[in-house]
Amino acid sequence: VADQIIIEPTEKYRGILEMVHLMGGKEEDIV
């Protein structure tokens, strides 16, 4: 919004990769 910023992480893909690897999946199968 115009009058507020939120300091927060924005690298969702980092967590996605970690989860897929933990579940035994491959990066090529990520959607």
All heavy atoms as atom14 arrays in JSON, in Angstrom:
{
  "sequence": "VADQIIIEPTEKYRGILEMVHLMGGKEEDIV",
  "atom14_mask": [
    [1, 1, 1, 1, 1, 1, 1, 0, 0, 0, 0, 0, 0, 0],
    [1, 1, 1, 1, 1, 0, 0, 0, 0, 0, 0, 0, 0, 0],
    [1, 1, 1, 1, 1, 1, 1, 1, 0, 0, 0, 0, 0, 0],
    [1, 1, 1, 1, 1, 1, 1, 1, 1, 0, 0, 0, 0, 0],
    [1, 1, 1, 1, 1, 1, 1, 1, 0, 0, 0, 0, 0, 0],
    [1, 1, 1, 1, 1, 1, 1, 1, 0, 0, 0, 0, 0, 0],
    [1, 1, 1, 1, 1, 1, 1, 1, 0, 0, 0, 0, 0, 0],
    [1, 1, 1, 1, 1, 1, 1, 1, 1, 0, 0, 0, 0, 0],
    [1, 1, 1, 1, 1, 1, 1, 0, 0, 0, 0, 0, 0, 0],
    [1, 1, 1, 1, 1, 1, 1, 0, 0, 0, 0, 0, 0, 0],
    [1, 1, 1, 1, 1, 1, 1, 1, 1, 0, 0, 0, 0, 0],
    [1, 1, 1, 1, 1, 1, 1, 1, 1, 0, 0, 0, 0, 0],
    [1, 1, 1, 1, 1, 1, 1, 1, 1, 1, 1, 1, 0, 0],
    [1, 1, 1, 1, 1, 1, 1, 1, 1, 1, 1, 0, 0, 0],
    [1, 1, 1, 1, 0, 0, 0, 0, 0, 0, 0, 0, 0, 0],
    [1, 1, 1, 1, 1, 1, 1, 1, 0, 0, 0, 0, 0, 0],
    [1, 1, 1, 1, 1, 1, 1, 1, 0, 0, 0, 0, 0, 0],
    [1, 1, 1, 1, 1, 1, 1, 1, 1, 0, 0, 0, 0, 0],
    [1, 1, 1, 1, 1, 1, 1, 1, 0, 0, 0, 0, 0, 0],
    [1, 1, 1, 1, 1, 1, 1, 0, 0, 0, 0, 0, 0, 0],
    [1, 1, 1, 1, 1, 1, 1, 1, 1, 1, 0, 0, 0, 0],
    [1, 1, 1, 1, 1, 1, 1, 1, 0, 0, 0, 0, 0, 0],
    [1, 1, 1, 1, 1, 1, 1, 1, 0, 0, 0, 0, 0, 0],
    [1, 1, 1, 1, 0, 0, 0, 0, 0, 0, 0, 0, 0, 0],
    [1, 1, 1, 1, 0, 0, 0, 0, 0, 0, 0, 0, 0, 0],
    [1, 1, 1, 1, 1, 1, 1, 1, 1, 0, 0, 0, 0, 0],
    [1, 1, 1, 1, 1, 1, 1, 1, 1, 0, 0, 0, 0, 0],
    [1, 1, 1, 1, 1, 1, 1, 1, 1, 0, 0, 0, 0, 0],
    [1, 1, 1, 1, 1, 1, 1, 1, 0, 0, 0, 0, 0, 0],
    [1, 1, 1, 1, 1, 1, 1, 1, 0, 0, 0, 0, 0, 0],
    [1, 1, 1, 1, 1, 1, 1, 0, 0, 0, 0, 0, 0, 0]
  ],
  "atom14_positions": [
    [[0.86, -1.19, 0.0], [0.0, 0.0, 0.0], [0.9, 1.23, 0.0], [2.08, 1.16, 0.32], [-0.95, 0.01, 1.22], [-1.95, -1.14, 1.15], [-0.16, -0.06, 2.52], [0.0, 0.0, 0.0], [0.0, 0.0, 0.0], [0.0, 0.0, 0.0], [0.0, 0.0, 0.0], [0.0, 0.0, 0.0], [0.0, 0.0, 0.0], [0.0, 0.0, 0.0]],
    [[0.32, 2.38, -0.34], [1.11, 3.57, -0.6], [1.91, 4.06, 0.6], [3.02, 4.58, 0.44], [0.2, 4.69, -1.11], [0.0, 0.0, 0.0], [0.0, 0.0, 0.0], [0.0, 0.0, 0.0], [0.0, 0.0, 0.0], [0.0, 0.0, 0.0], [0.0, 0.0, 0.0], [0.0, 0.0, 0.0], [0.0, 0.0, 0.0], [0.0, 0.0, 0.0]],
    [[1.36, 3.9, 1.81], [2.0, 4.53, 2.98], [2.69, 3.54, 3.91], [3.01, 3.88, 5.05], [0.98, 5.34, 3.77], [-0.14, 4.47, 4.34], [-0.27, 3.31, 3.92], [-0.89, 4.98, 5.22], [0.0, 0.0, 0.0], [0.0, 0.0, 0.0], [0.0, 0.0, 0.0], [0.0, 0.0, 0.0], [0.0, 0.0, 0.0], [0.0, 0.0, 0.0]],
    [[2.94, 2.31, 3.45], [3.54, 1.31, 4.33], [4.5, 0.41, 3.57], [4.26, 0.05, 2.41], [2.44, 0.44, 4.96], [2.97, -0.63, 5.92], [1.97, -1.76, 6.12], [1.72, -2.55, 5.21], [1.4, -1.83, 7.32], [0.0, 0.0, 0.0], [0.0, 0.0, 0.0], [0.0, 0.0, 0.0], [0.0, 0.0, 0.0], [0.0, 0.0, 0.0]],
    [[5.6, 0.06, 4.22], [6.44, -1.02, 3.71], [6.5, -2.12, 4.77], [6.31, -1.86, 5.96], [7.87, -0.56, 3.34], [8.64, -0.07, 4.58], [7.84, 0.48, 2.23], [10.12, 0.21, 4.29], [0.0, 0.0, 0.0], [0.0, 0.0, 0.0], [0.0, 0.0, 0.0], [0.0, 0.0, 0.0], [0.0, 0.0, 0.0], [0.0, 0.0, 0.0]],
    [[6.75, -3.35, 4.31], [6.94, -4.47, 5.22], [8.31, -5.06, 4.93], [8.59, -5.49, 3.79], [5.87, -5.56, 5.04], [4.47, -4.97, 5.19], [6.08, -6.68, 6.07], [3.35, -5.97, 4.93], [0.0, 0.0, 0.0], [0.0, 0.0, 0.0], [0.0, 0.0, 0.0], [0.0, 0.0, 0.0], [0.0, 0.0, 0.0], [0.0, 0.0, 0.0]],
    [[9.17, -5.05, 5.93], [10.47, -5.72, 5.81], [10.21, -7.2, 5.98], [9.85, -7.67, 7.05], [11.46, -5.23, 6.88], [11.52, -3.7, 6.92], [12.83, -5.84, 6.64], [12.05, -3.06, 5.68], [0.0, 0.0, 0.0], [0.0, 0.0, 0.0], [0.0, 0.0, 0.0], [0.0, 0.0, 0.0], [0.0, 0.0, 0.0], [0.0, 0.0, 0.0]],
    [[10.39, -7.96, 4.91], [10.11, -9.39, 4.94], [10.86, -10.07, 3.8], [11.17, -9.44, 2.79], [8.6, -9.66, 4.81], [8.0, -9.18, 3.5], [6.51, -9.46, 3.39], [5.93, -10.0, 4.35], [5.93, -9.15, 2.34], [0.0, 0.0, 0.0], [0.0, 0.0, 0.0], [0.0, 0.0, 0.0], [0.0, 0.0, 0.0], [0.0, 0.0, 0.0]],
    [[11.13, -11.38, 3.92], [11.8, -12.11, 2.84], [10.91, -12.17, 1.6], [9.68, -12.21, 1.69], [12.02, -13.5, 3.44], [11.9, -13.33, 4.91], [10.91, -12.23, 5.1], [0.0, 0.0, 0.0], [0.0, 0.0, 0.0], [0.0, 0.0, 0.0], [0.0, 0.0, 0.0], [0.0, 0.0, 0.0], [0.0, 0.0, 0.0], [0.0, 0.0, 0.0]],
    [[11.53, -12.21, 0.42], [10.78, -12.3, -0.84], [11.31, -13.4, -1.75], [10.97, -13.44, -2.92], [10.82, -10.96, -1.59], [12.19, -10.63, -1.9], [10.2, -9.84, -0.78], [0.0, 0.0, 0.0], [0.0, 0.0, 0.0], [0.0, 0.0, 0.0], [0.0, 0.0, 0.0], [0.0, 0.0, 0.0], [0.0, 0.0, 0.0], [0.0, 0.0, 0.0]],
    [[12.14, -14.3, -1.23], [12.72, -15.37, -2.04], [11.96, -16.67, -1.8], [12.49, -17.64, -1.22], [14.2, -15.54, -1.74], [15.07, -14.43, -2.29], [15.08, -14.38, -3.82], [15.02, -15.45, -4.46], [15.14, -13.26, -4.36], [0.0, 0.0, 0.0], [0.0, 0.0, 0.0], [0.0, 0.0, 0.0], [0.0, 0.0, 0.0], [0.0, 0.0, 0.0]],
    [[10.72, -16.72, -2.24], [9.91, -17.93, -2.04], [10.56, -19.17, -2.65], [10.42, -20.28, -2.12], [8.52, -17.73, -2.65], [7.67, -16.66, -2.01], [6.31, -16.6, -2.7], [5.43, -15.5, -2.15], [4.1, -15.47, -2.81], [0.0, 0.0, 0.0], [0.0, 0.0, 0.0], [0.0, 0.0, 0.0], [0.0, 0.0, 0.0], [0.0, 0.0, 0.0]],
    [[11.25, -18.98, -3.77], [11.78, -20.16, -4.47], [12.82, -20.89, -3.63], [12.99, -22.11, -3.78], [12.38, -19.75, -5.81], [12.56, -20.93, -6.75], [11.44, -21.56, -7.3], [13.82, -21.42, -7.08], [11.59, -22.65, -8.14], [13.97, -22.5, -7.93], [12.85, -23.11, -8.45], [12.99, -24.2, -9.29], [0.0, 0.0, 0.0], [0.0, 0.0, 0.0]],
    [[13.51, -20.18, -2.76], [14.48, -20.83, -1.88], [13.79, -21.88, -1.01], [14.27, -23.01, -0.85], [15.16, -19.77, -1.02], [16.2, -20.29, -0.03], [16.9, -19.12, 0.62], [15.94, -18.19, 1.22], [16.12, -16.89, 1.28], [17.2, -16.32, 0.78], [15.21, -16.12, 1.88], [0.0, 0.0, 0.0], [0.0, 0.0, 0.0], [0.0, 0.0, 0.0]],
    [[12.63, -21.51, -0.44], [11.88, -22.45, 0.37], [11.26, -23.56, -0.46], [11.17, -24.72, -0.01], [0.0, 0.0, 0.0], [0.0, 0.0, 0.0], [0.0, 0.0, 0.0], [0.0, 0.0, 0.0], [0.0, 0.0, 0.0], [0.0, 0.0, 0.0], [0.0, 0.0, 0.0], [0.0, 0.0, 0.0], [0.0, 0.0, 0.0], [0.0, 0.0, 0.0]],
    [[10.83, -23.23, -1.66], [10.24, -24.23, -2.55], [11.27, -25.32, -2.87], [10.97, -26.52, -2.79], [9.74, -23.56, -3.85], [8.48, -22.73, -3.56], [9.46, -24.6, -4.93], [8.05, -21.85, -4.71], [0.0, 0.0, 0.0], [0.0, 0.0, 0.0], [0.0, 0.0, 0.0], [0.0, 0.0, 0.0], [0.0, 0.0, 0.0], [0.0, 0.0, 0.0]],
    [[12.47, -24.91, -3.23], [13.52, -25.88, -3.54], [13.81, -26.78, -2.35], [13.96, -28.0, -2.5], [14.8, -25.16, -3.94], [14.98, -24.78, -5.41], [16.32, -24.08, -5.6], [14.9, -26.0, -6.31], [0.0, 0.0, 0.0], [0.0, 0.0, 0.0], [0.0, 0.0, 0.0], [0.0, 0.0, 0.0], [0.0, 0.0, 0.0], [0.0, 0.0, 0.0]],
    [[13.89, -26.18, -1.18], [14.16, -26.96, 0.04], [13.07, -28.0, 0.27], [13.35, -29.16, 0.58], [14.26, -26.0, 1.23], [14.48, -26.69, 2.57], [15.94, -27.02, 2.82], [16.8, -26.6, 2.03], [16.2, -27.74, 3.8], [0.0, 0.0, 0.0], [0.0, 0.0, 0.0], [0.0, 0.0, 0.0], [0.0, 0.0, 0.0], [0.0, 0.0, 0.0]],
    [[11.82, -27.59, 0.1], [10.72, -28.52, 0.33], [10.73, -29.65, -0.69], [10.55, -30.83, -0.33], [9.38, -27.79, 0.3], [8.18, -28.7, 0.54], [6.62, -27.82, 0.74], [6.77, -27.18, 2.4], [0.0, 0.0, 0.0], [0.0, 0.0, 0.0], [0.0, 0.0, 0.0], [0.0, 0.0, 0.0], [0.0, 0.0, 0.0], [0.0, 0.0, 0.0]],
    [[10.92, -29.33, -1.95], [10.93, -30.36, -3.0], [12.06, -31.35, -2.77], [11.88, -32.57, -2.91], [11.01, -29.71, -4.39], [11.26, -30.77, -5.47], [9.73, -28.94, -4.7], [0.0, 0.0, 0.0], [0.0, 0.0, 0.0], [0.0, 0.0, 0.0], [0.0, 0.0, 0.0], [0.0, 0.0, 0.0], [0.0, 0.0, 0.0], [0.0, 0.0, 0.0]],
    [[13.22, -30.87, -2.39], [14.34, -31.77, -2.11], [14.03, -32.67, -0.92], [14.35, -33.88, -0.95], [15.61, -30.96, -1.85], [16.15, -30.29, -3.07], [16.97, -29.19, -3.02], [15.96, -30.56, -4.39], [17.28, -28.82, -4.25], [16.68, -29.63, -5.09], [0.0, 0.0, 0.0], [0.0, 0.0, 0.0], [0.0, 0.0, 0.0], [0.0, 0.0, 0.0]],
    [[13.42, -32.11, 0.13], [13.05, -32.92, 1.29], [12.03, -34.0, 0.94], [12.03, -35.08, 1.54], [12.5, -32.03, 2.4], [13.5, -31.15, 3.14], [12.78, -30.19, 4.09], [14.49, -32.01, 3.93], [0.0, 0.0, 0.0], [0.0, 0.0, 0.0], [0.0, 0.0, 0.0], [0.0, 0.0, 0.0], [0.0, 0.0, 0.0], [0.0, 0.0, 0.0]],
    [[11.18, -33.71, -0.04], [10.15, -34.66, -0.45], [10.63, -35.61, -1.53], [9.86, -36.45, -2.02], [8.9, -33.91, -0.94], [8.28, -32.96, 0.08], [7.9, -33.76, 1.66], [6.63, -34.93, 1.16], [0.0, 0.0, 0.0], [0.0, 0.0, 0.0], [0.0, 0.0, 0.0], [0.0, 0.0, 0.0], [0.0, 0.0, 0.0], [0.0, 0.0, 0.0]],
    [[11.9, -35.5, -1.91], [12.47, -36.42, -2.89], [12.12, -36.09, -4.33], [12.26, -36.95, -5.22], [0.0, 0.0, 0.0], [0.0, 0.0, 0.0], [0.0, 0.0, 0.0], [0.0, 0.0, 0.0], [0.0, 0.0, 0.0], [0.0, 0.0, 0.0], [0.0, 0.0, 0.0], [0.0, 0.0, 0.0], [0.0, 0.0, 0.0], [0.0, 0.0, 0.0]],
    [[11.67, -34.86, -4.58], [11.31, -34.46, -5.93], [12.47, -33.85, -6.69], [13.58, -33.7, -6.16], [0.0, 0.0, 0.0], [0.0, 0.0, 0.0], [0.0, 0.0, 0.0], [0.0, 0.0, 0.0], [0.0, 0.0, 0.0], [0.0, 0.0, 0.0], [0.0, 0.0, 0.0], [0.0, 0.0, 0.0], [0.0, 0.0, 0.0], [0.0, 0.0, 0.0]],
    [[12.19, -33.48, -7.94], [13.2, -32.88, -8.8], [12.79, -31.46, -9.18], [11.6, -31.17, -9.34], [13.39, -33.72, -10.06], [13.91, -35.12, -9.81], [14.08, -35.89, -11.11], [14.6, -37.29, -10.86], [14.76, -38.06, -12.13], [0.0, 0.0, 0.0], [0.0, 0.0, 0.0], [0.0, 0.0, 0.0], [0.0, 0.0, 0.0], [0.0, 0.0, 0.0]],
    [[13.79, -30.61, -9.36], [13.53, -29.22, -9.69], [12.75, -29.09, -11.0], [11.92, -28.18, -11.16], [14.84, -28.45, -9.76], [14.67, -26.96, -9.91], [15.98, -26.2, -9.75], [17.01, -26.83, -9.43], [15.97, -24.97, -9.96], [0.0, 0.0, 0.0], [0.0, 0.0, 0.0], [0.0, 0.0, 0.0], [0.0, 0.0, 0.0], [0.0, 0.0, 0.0]],
    [[12.98, -29.99, -11.92], [12.33, -29.93, -13.24], [10.81, -30.14, -13.15], [10.08, -29.83, -14.09], [12.93, -30.97, -14.17], [12.68, -32.4, -13.73], [13.53, -33.41, -14.47], [14.75, -33.19, -14.59], [12.97, -34.42, -14.95], [0.0, 0.0, 0.0], [0.0, 0.0, 0.0], [0.0, 0.0, 0.0], [0.0, 0.0, 0.0], [0.0, 0.0, 0.0]],
    [[10.34, -30.64, -12.01], [8.91, -30.92, -11.85], [8.18, -29.87, -11.01], [7.03, -30.06, -10.62], [8.72, -32.3, -11.22], [9.23, -33.42, -12.13], [8.98, -33.33, -13.34], [9.88, -34.35, -11.61], [0.0, 0.0, 0.0], [0.0, 0.0, 0.0], [0.0, 0.0, 0.0], [0.0, 0.0, 0.0], [0.0, 0.0, 0.0], [0.0, 0.0, 0.0]],
    [[8.85, -28.74, -10.76], [8.24, -27.68, -9.96], [7.35, -26.79, -10.83], [7.73, -26.36, -11.91], [9.32, -26.82, -9.28], [10.08, -27.65, -8.24], [8.69, -25.59, -8.62], [11.25, -26.93, -7.61], [0.0, 0.0, 0.0], [0.0, 0.0, 0.0], [0.0, 0.0, 0.0], [0.0, 0.0, 0.0], [0.0, 0.0, 0.0], [0.0, 0.0, 0.0]],
    [[6.15, -26.52, -10.31], [5.2, -25.6, -10.95], [4.8, -24.56, -9.91], [4.54, -24.9, -8.76], [3.93, -26.34, -11.42], [2.93, -25.35, -12.04], [4.28, -27.45, -12.4], [0.0, 0.0, 0.0], [0.0, 0.0, 0.0], [0.0, 0.0, 0.0], [0.0, 0.0, 0.0], [0.0, 0.0, 0.0], [0.0, 0.0, 0.0], [0.0, 0.0, 0.0]]
  ]
}
